[in-house]
C-alpha atoms as a PDB file:
ATOM      1  CA  MET A   1     124.648  65.043 119.659  1.00  0.00           C
ATOM      2  CA  LYS A   2     123.595  61.532 118.431  1.00  0.00           C
ATOM      3  CA  THR A   3     126.444  58.881 117.018  1.00  0.00           C
ATOM      4  CA  LEU A   4     126.071  57.251 113.417  1.00  0.00           C
ATOM      5  CA  GLU A   5     124.574  54.343 115.427  1.00  0.00           C
ATOM      6  CA  GLU A   6     122.575  55.542 117.043  1.00  0.00           C
ATOM      7  CA  ARG A   7     121.071  57.740 114.158  1.00  0.00           C
ATOM      8  CA  LEU A   8     120.625  54.718 112.283  1.00  0.00           C
ATOM      9  CA  ALA A   9     119.402  52.393 115.145  1.00  0.00           C
ATOM     10  CA  ALA A  10     116.625  55.221 114.886  1.00  0.00           C
ATOM     11  CA  ARG A  11     115.711  55.401 111.820  1.00  0.00           C
ATOM     12  CA  LEU A  12     115.297  51.311 111.011  1.00  0.00           C
ATOM     13  CA  LYS A  13     112.922  51.469 113.926  1.00  0.00           C
ATOM     14  CA  GLU A  14     111.026  53.711 112.208  1.00  0.00           C
ATOM     15  CA  LEU A  15     110.585  52.463 108.589  1.00  0.00           C
ATOM     16  CA  ARG A  16     109.998  48.660 110.716  1.00  0.00           C
ATOM     17  CA  GLY A  17     106.807  50.378 113.157  1.00  0.00           C
ATOM     18  CA  GLU A  18     104.756  47.833 114.477  1.00  0.00           C
ATOM     19  CA  GLU A  19     106.562  44.725 112.217  1.00  0.00           C
ATOM     20  CA  SER A  20     108.201  42.170 114.365  1.00  0.00           C
ATOM     21  CA  GLN A  21     111.910  42.066 113.771  1.00  0.00           C
ATOM     22  CA  ARG A  22     111.699  39.032 112.335  1.00  0.00           C
ATOM     23  CA  SER A  23     109.557  39.429 109.731  1.00  0.00           C
ATOM     24  CA  TYR A  24     111.188  42.484 108.610  1.00  0.00           C
ATOM     25  CA  ALA A  25     114.601  41.719 108.804  1.00  0.00           C
ATOM     26  CA  LYS A  26     113.561  38.399 106.001  1.00  0.00           C
ATOM     27  CA  LYS A  27     112.238  41.598 104.082  1.00  0.00           C
ATOM     28  CA  LEU A  28     115.526  43.310 104.489  1.00  0.00           C
ATOM     29  CA  GLY A  29     117.768  40.468 103.454  1.00  0.00           C
ATOM     30  CA  ILE A  30     119.317  40.096 107.023  1.00  0.00           C
ATOM     31  CA  SER A  31     119.033  38.005 109.539  1.00  0.00           C
ATOM     32  CA  HIS A  32     116.693  39.322 112.826  1.00  0.00           C
ATOM     33  CA  VAL A  33     119.766  39.150 115.205  1.00  0.00           C
ATOM     34  CA  ALA A  34     121.667  41.811 112.687  1.00  0.00           C
ATOM     35  CA  LEU A  35     118.480  43.837 112.917  1.00  0.00           C
ATOM     36  CA  ASN A  36     118.263  43.810 116.364  1.00  0.00           C
ATOM     37  CA  GLN A  37     121.726  44.364 117.432  1.00  0.00           C
ATOM     38  CA  MET A  38     121.775  47.573 114.674  1.00  0.00           C
ATOM     39  CA  GLU A  39     118.594  49.066 115.987  1.00  0.00           C
ATOM     40  CA  GLN A  40     120.104  48.669 119.114  1.00  0.00           C
ATOM     41  CA  GLY A  41     123.553  50.189 118.146  1.00  0.00           C
ATOM     42  CA  GLN A  42     125.572  47.438 118.514  1.00  0.00           C
ATOM     43  CA  GLU A  43     126.231  46.723 115.142  1.00  0.00           C
ATOM     44  CA  ASN A  44     129.957  47.732 113.311  1.00  0.00           C
ATOM     45  CA  VAL A  45     127.221  47.947 110.088  1.00  0.00           C
ATOM     46  CA  THR A  46     129.467  47.614 106.785  1.00  0.00           C
ATOM     47  CA  LEU A  47     129.318  48.849 103.917  1.00  0.00           C
ATOM     48  CA  ARG A  48     128.099  46.177 102.022  1.00  0.00           C
ATOM     49  CA  THR A  49     124.990  45.746 104.669  1.00  0.00           C
ATOM     50  CA  LEU A  50     124.222  49.115 104.203  1.00  0.00           C
ATOM     51  CA  GLY A  51     124.019  48.603 100.511  1.00  0.00           C
ATOM     52  CA  ILE A  52     121.511  45.842 101.177  1.00  0.00           C
ATOM     53  CA  LEU A  53     119.207  48.072 103.145  1.00  0.00           C
ATOM     54  CA  CYS A  54     118.992  50.504 100.450  1.00  0.00           C
ATOM     55  CA  ARG A  55     118.421  47.778  98.460  1.00  0.00           C
ATOM     56  CA  ALA A  56     116.133  46.351  99.940  1.00  0.00           C
ATOM     57  CA  LEU A  57     114.095  49.569 100.728  1.00  0.00           C
ATOM     58  CA  ARG A  58     114.815  51.680  97.355  1.00  0.00           C
ATOM     59  CA  CYS A  59     116.551  54.499  99.328  1.00  0.00           C
ATOM     60  CA  ASP A  60     119.635  56.797  99.276  1.00  0.00           C
ATOM     61  CA  ILE A  61     122.191  55.889 101.943  1.00  0.00           C
ATOM     62  CA  ALA A  62     121.444  59.445 103.663  1.00  0.00           C
ATOM     63  CA  ASP A  63     117.968  58.546 104.121  1.00  0.00           C
ATOM     64  CA  LEU A  64     119.103  55.967 106.078  1.00  0.00           C
ATOM     65  CA  PHE A  65     120.962  58.506 108.329  1.00  0.00           C
ATOM     66  CA  PRO A  66     118.308  61.705 110.134  1.00  0.00           C
ATOM     67  CA  PRO A  67     119.923  64.687 110.260  1.00  0.00           C
ATOM     68  CA  PRO A  68     121.551  64.842 113.721  1.00  0.00           C
ATOM     69  CA  GLU A  69     119.403  67.084 116.337  1.00  0.00           C
ATOM     70  CA  LYS A  70     121.158  70.085 117.669  1.00  0.00           C
END
């Protein structure tokens, strides 16, 4: 089973698509370094950062974490 970090990483990569990390991070209101670390599953994401992502993406926090694979 994937960890929460891995699930968030996969979802952010999916949402970003072909857009550059730098450009996508700017749209999200975070640094490209933070986005890179999140996409690598290396960032200890705070509730504040999750809130920023949800507002920018106009989604619920649950939408950032795809269901675990069985």
